[in-house]
Protein backbone atom coordinates (compact mmCIF):
# COMPACT_ATOMS: atom_id res chain seq x y z
CA MET A 1 -55.57 55.49 46.78
CA GLU A 2 -54.69 51.57 46.15
CA LYS A 3 -53.44 50.10 49.23
CA PRO A 4 -50.25 48.38 49.11
CA ARG A 5 -50.38 44.44 48.88
CA PRO A 6 -49.08 42.38 51.41
CA ASP A 7 -45.69 40.74 50.92
CA PHE A 8 -46.56 36.91 50.74
CA ARG A 9 -42.91 35.83 50.69
CA LYS A 10 -41.81 37.51 53.77
CA LEU A 11 -44.98 36.04 55.50
CA LEU A 12 -44.14 32.58 54.47
CA ALA A 13 -40.33 32.97 55.57
CA GLN A 14 -41.47 34.25 58.88
CA GLY A 15 -44.07 31.15 59.50
CA HIS A 16 -41.18 28.97 58.26
CA ARG A 17 -38.75 30.34 60.86
CA ARG A 18 -41.46 30.20 63.54
CA ALA A 19 -42.00 26.52 62.73
CA ALA A 20 -38.42 25.67 62.58
CA ALA A 21 -38.01 27.53 66.10
CA ALA A 22 -40.96 25.36 67.59
CA THR A 23 -39.67 22.18 66.12
CA GLY A 24 -36.26 22.84 67.68
CA LEU A 25 -37.73 23.48 71.13
CA ILE A 26 -40.12 20.20 71.18
CA LEU A 27 -37.08 18.25 70.08
CA GLY A 28 -34.92 19.62 73.00
CA ILE A 29 -37.47 19.22 75.53
CA GLY A 30 -37.91 15.52 74.18
CA PHE A 31 -34.16 14.93 74.29
CA LEU A 32 -33.80 16.30 77.95
CA VAL A 33 -36.61 14.09 79.22
CA ALA A 34 -35.43 10.99 77.15
CA TRP A 35 -31.64 11.66 78.99
CA THR A 36 -33.46 11.93 82.22
CA LEU A 37 -35.03 8.73 82.08
CA ALA A 38 -32.02 7.01 80.47
CA TRP A 39 -30.10 8.17 83.63
CA ALA A 40 -32.72 7.02 86.16
CA GLN A 41 -32.65 3.70 84.60
CA THR A 42 -28.62 3.16 84.52
CA GLY A 43 -28.09 5.19 87.82
CA THR A 44 -25.68 3.46 90.33
CA GLY A 45 -25.44 4.19 94.18
CA ALA A 46 -27.07 4.18 97.11
CA GLY A 47 -30.69 5.64 96.84
CA THR A 48 -34.33 4.85 96.68
CA GLU A 49 -35.41 2.59 93.94
CA THR A 50 -38.52 3.32 92.07
CA ALA A 51 -40.57 2.10 88.77
CA THR A 52 -38.25 4.31 86.60
CA GLY A 53 -34.93 3.08 88.20
CA VAL A 54 -32.25 4.16 91.06
CA LEU A 55 -32.91 7.95 92.15
CA PRO A 56 -30.21 9.52 94.36
CA ASN A 57 -30.75 9.80 97.93
CA VAL A 58 -31.24 13.61 99.09
CA ASN A 59 -30.48 14.40 102.89
CA LEU A 60 -30.77 17.71 104.25
CA GLN A 61 -29.34 18.67 107.78
CA ILE A 62 -29.26 21.93 109.63
CA GLY A 63 -26.46 22.31 112.15
CA GLY A 64 -24.45 19.26 112.90
CA GLY A 65 -25.44 15.58 113.08
CA ASP A 66 -27.09 15.82 116.39
CA GLY A 67 -29.19 18.76 115.26
CA ASP A 68 -27.57 21.54 116.65
CA ALA A 69 -28.58 24.87 114.88
CA ALA A 70 -26.76 27.40 116.93
CA GLY A 71 -23.97 27.86 114.29
CA LEU A 72 -26.87 28.65 112.03
CA ILE A 73 -28.46 31.09 114.22
CA GLN A 74 -25.23 32.94 114.72
CA ILE A 75 -24.81 33.50 110.75
CA MET A 76 -28.34 34.57 110.66
CA LEU A 77 -27.62 37.18 113.62
CA LEU A 78 -24.57 38.30 111.67
CA PHE A 79 -26.23 38.86 108.66
CA THR A 80 -28.83 40.96 110.54
CA LEU A 81 -26.29 43.06 112.25
CA VAL A 82 -24.85 43.78 108.71
CA THR A 83 -28.19 44.69 107.32
CA LEU A 84 -28.80 47.08 110.22
CA ALA A 85 -25.25 48.54 109.91
CA PRO A 86 -26.17 51.75 108.65
CA SER A 87 -28.61 52.24 111.34
CA ILE A 88 -26.15 51.25 113.86
CA ILE A 89 -23.80 53.96 112.42
CA VAL A 90 -26.30 56.52 112.73
CA MET A 91 -27.51 55.74 116.40
CA VAL A 92 -24.19 55.46 118.16
CA THR A 93 -21.79 57.70 116.39
CA PRO A 94 -21.58 61.41 115.81
CA PHE A 95 -23.07 60.95 111.96
CA THR A 96 -26.30 62.54 113.02
CA ARG A 97 -24.90 65.65 114.20
CA ILE A 98 -22.51 66.09 111.22
CA VAL A 99 -24.81 65.45 108.53
CA ILE A 100 -27.54 67.85 109.91
CA ILE A 101 -25.01 70.45 110.43
CA LEU A 102 -23.80 70.09 106.72
CA GLY A 103 -27.32 70.13 105.47
CA LEU A 104 -28.03 73.54 107.38
CA LEU A 105 -24.87 75.18 105.88
CA ARG A 106 -25.84 74.28 102.75
CA ASN A 107 -29.35 75.54 102.97
CA ALA A 108 -27.94 78.91 104.49
CA MET A 109 -25.89 79.22 101.58
CA GLY A 110 -28.57 78.92 99.31
CA THR A 111 -26.70 76.50 97.11
CA GLN A 112 -29.45 74.18 96.27
CA GLN A 113 -27.92 70.64 95.68
CA THR A 114 -24.35 71.97 95.86
CA PRO A 115 -22.53 70.09 97.43
CA PRO A 116 -24.58 66.99 96.31
CA ASN A 117 -26.00 64.77 99.05
CA THR A 118 -23.54 62.14 98.23
CA VAL A 119 -20.64 64.64 99.08
CA LEU A 120 -22.30 65.63 102.36
CA ILE A 121 -22.79 62.02 103.41
CA GLY A 122 -19.20 61.12 102.53
CA LEU A 123 -17.81 63.93 104.49
CA ALA A 124 -20.14 63.10 107.47
CA LEU A 125 -19.05 59.52 107.20
CA PHE A 126 -15.25 60.45 107.42
CA LEU A 127 -15.62 62.80 109.86
CA SER A 128 -17.49 60.61 112.19
CA LEU A 129 -14.71 57.86 111.68
CA PHE A 130 -12.10 60.40 112.48
CA VAL A 131 -14.09 61.57 115.67
CA MET A 132 -14.67 57.75 116.62
CA MET A 133 -11.20 56.32 115.79
CA PRO A 134 -10.01 56.74 119.61
CA VAL A 135 -12.93 54.48 120.61
CA LEU A 136 -12.72 52.15 117.59
CA ASN A 137 -9.01 51.63 118.44
CA HIS A 138 -9.82 51.01 122.05
CA ILE A 139 -12.47 48.52 121.00
CA ASN A 140 -10.13 46.75 118.51
CA THR A 141 -7.15 46.43 121.42
CA ASN A 142 -9.31 45.31 124.18
CA ALA A 143 -12.11 43.23 122.61
CA LEU A 144 -11.60 42.30 119.21
CA GLN A 145 -8.31 41.39 119.12
CA PRO A 146 -8.71 39.25 122.07
CA TYR A 147 -11.46 37.60 120.84
CA MET A 148 -9.93 36.64 117.44
CA ALA A 149 -6.97 35.17 119.41
CA GLU A 150 -9.60 33.06 121.67
CA GLU A 151 -8.31 34.89 124.70
CA ILE A 152 -11.70 35.94 125.79
CA GLY A 153 -15.11 34.78 125.24
CA TYR A 154 -17.95 36.16 123.09
CA ASP A 155 -19.86 37.77 126.20
CA GLU A 156 -16.70 39.29 127.30
CA ALA A 157 -15.73 40.72 124.11
CA ILE A 158 -19.31 42.30 123.88
CA THR A 159 -18.82 43.71 127.14
CA ALA A 160 -15.09 45.24 126.42
CA ALA A 161 -16.64 46.59 123.06
CA GLN A 162 -19.42 48.44 125.05
CA ALA A 163 -17.42 49.96 127.64
CA PRO A 164 -15.62 52.83 125.35
CA LEU A 165 -18.79 53.28 123.35
CA ARG A 166 -20.88 53.76 126.52
CA ASP A 167 -18.27 56.33 127.67
CA PHE A 168 -18.28 58.19 124.56
CA MET A 169 -22.08 58.35 124.28
CA THR A 170 -22.31 59.49 128.06
CA ARG A 171 -20.14 62.45 127.41
CA GLN A 172 -22.17 63.64 124.64
CA THR A 173 -25.61 62.86 126.40
CA ARG A 174 -27.29 65.83 128.33
CA ASP A 175 -28.26 64.98 132.08
CA ASN A 176 -32.07 66.17 131.25
CA ASP A 177 -32.35 63.92 128.16
CA LEU A 178 -30.96 60.69 129.89
CA ALA A 179 -33.07 61.39 133.05
CA LEU A 180 -36.24 61.74 130.50
CA PHE A 181 -35.61 58.23 129.09
CA VAL A 182 -34.68 56.83 132.53
CA SER A 183 -37.94 57.91 133.59
CA LEU A 184 -39.83 56.44 130.76
CA ALA A 185 -38.18 53.20 131.18
CA LYS A 186 -39.33 53.47 134.90
CA ILE A 187 -35.86 52.68 136.41
CA ASP A 188 -35.17 54.09 139.81
CA ALA A 189 -32.30 56.84 139.38
CA ASP A 190 -31.33 56.41 142.64
CA GLU A 191 -30.42 52.68 142.46
CA ILE A 192 -28.14 52.85 139.39
CA THR A 193 -25.36 55.12 138.12
CA VAL A 194 -24.55 56.44 134.69
CA LYS A 195 -22.46 53.38 133.73
CA GLU A 196 -25.45 51.10 134.65
CA VAL A 197 -27.77 52.63 132.39
CA PRO A 198 -28.90 50.13 129.77
CA MET A 199 -27.99 50.59 126.17
CA HIS A 200 -31.73 50.76 125.06
CA VAL A 201 -32.28 53.89 127.40
CA LEU A 202 -28.73 55.48 126.51
CA ILE A 203 -28.98 55.20 122.85
CA PRO A 204 -32.22 57.38 122.37
CA ALA A 205 -31.11 59.91 124.86
CA PHE A 206 -27.51 60.26 123.11
CA MET A 207 -29.74 60.84 119.65
CA ILE A 208 -31.87 63.51 120.87
CA SER A 209 -28.88 65.13 122.58
CA GLU A 210 -27.14 65.02 119.23
CA LEU A 211 -30.26 66.58 117.26
CA LYS A 212 -30.23 69.41 120.01
CA THR A 213 -26.58 70.09 119.88
CA ALA A 214 -26.70 70.05 115.70
CA PHE A 215 -29.47 72.65 115.54
CA GLN A 216 -27.85 74.96 118.12
CA ILE A 217 -24.55 74.78 115.93
CA GLY A 218 -26.82 74.96 112.63
CA PHE A 219 -28.59 78.19 114.08
CA VAL A 220 -25.01 79.82 114.60
CA ILE A 221 -23.86 78.79 111.36
CA TYR A 222 -26.99 80.40 109.80
CA LEU A 223 -26.82 83.99 111.28
CA PRO A 224 -23.87 85.53 108.99
CA PHE A 225 -25.61 84.24 105.87
CA LEU A 226 -29.05 85.62 106.99
CA VAL A 227 -27.30 88.97 107.66
CA VAL A 228 -26.07 88.90 103.77
CA ASP A 229 -29.39 87.94 102.60
CA MET A 230 -31.10 90.89 104.50
CA VAL A 231 -28.47 93.59 103.49
CA VAL A 232 -28.87 92.42 99.76
CA ALA A 233 -32.80 92.55 100.29
CA SER A 234 -32.74 96.02 101.47
CA ILE A 235 -30.38 97.43 98.96
CA LEU A 236 -32.39 96.21 96.36
CA MET A 237 -35.65 97.44 97.80
CA SER A 238 -34.14 100.70 98.15
CA MET A 239 -33.36 100.83 94.58
CA GLY A 240 -36.91 99.89 93.55
CA MET A 241 -35.84 96.37 92.27
CA LEU A 242 -38.38 94.24 93.64
CA MET A 243 -38.81 91.95 90.61
CA LEU A 244 -35.28 90.79 91.08
CA PRO A 245 -34.87 87.92 93.39
CA PRO A 246 -32.47 88.64 96.43
CA ILE A 247 -31.25 85.17 96.73
CA LEU A 248 -29.85 85.32 93.05
CA ILE A 249 -27.87 88.40 94.07
CA SER A 250 -26.73 87.53 97.59
CA LEU A 251 -25.39 84.15 96.54
CA PRO A 252 -22.16 85.18 95.08
CA PHE A 253 -21.39 87.41 98.08
CA LYS A 254 -22.30 84.66 100.62
CA LEU A 255 -20.09 82.18 98.46
CA LEU A 256 -17.34 84.85 98.41
CA MET A 257 -17.66 85.42 102.34
CA PHE A 258 -17.46 81.78 103.07
CA VAL A 259 -14.36 81.28 100.66
CA LEU A 260 -12.61 84.35 102.26
CA SER A 261 -13.24 83.35 105.79
CA ASP A 262 -11.82 79.56 104.98
CA GLY A 263 -15.22 78.54 106.03
CA TRP A 264 -14.63 74.67 105.50
CA ASN A 265 -11.79 75.12 108.00
CA LEU A 266 -13.88 76.90 110.66
CA VAL A 267 -16.85 74.51 110.14
CA PHE A 268 -15.14 71.33 110.45
CA GLY A 269 -12.96 72.45 113.31
CA SER A 270 -15.90 73.55 115.29
CA ILE A 271 -17.67 70.14 114.82
CA VAL A 272 -14.83 68.32 115.88
CA ARG A 273 -14.29 70.78 118.94
CA SER A 274 -17.89 70.33 119.92
CA PHE A 275 -17.37 66.50 120.89
CA LYS A 276 -16.19 66.27 124.67
């Protein structure tokens, strides 16, 4: 079979286009270099005189004229706090407890990825905001607004903002968890009160208390769905339908039970009431 001959006209046209593109690129670079040299030779103003002309003087300073970099450091700390904001939300708010309970609820129902993770995280976020709203209002009234009005200083604002947050975390933290981290930090428990416990000790104690509470509530939520799974599995075994997955049959019954009992109302009501 005869091979097709190459189309020399197309090859020639492609070569012309590539040559024209390369020529245009070279001319553009040459024009840019010529314009830069001409600007350097005819430039005016204060600068450093060189063999090619007058170049502009560039001066970079950090902070004020006296070399003070305090403003720059504050900006860097602000950006760092913004970056760590999601972690802070998880550490010092009810978000951890709520998202774990909702995740266990989804696993108990056996609905795989329904509701999706985005919905669960959104529910946990707004429910955390609902629970924390009294604390946030207290911080806004006693710390943020006076600081914005320049009535108090930065240190006083931080102290005023920590007070309601510390009180919230202290009420949710178990005594044995707090005592554990106080002992690990080698702090004498007889010399300080609960209000004097440092934040780096209170926050991890609060987090493990939230984890324990979340798993306790999740266990209680799991039980009714587990009973439905056991009943369906027993019925299928008694009927000899061993090849049919029990979860496939029990899923509609669990959804029906959850809807008829107004499950979302009960779950969210129980979550909110679990906070002291």
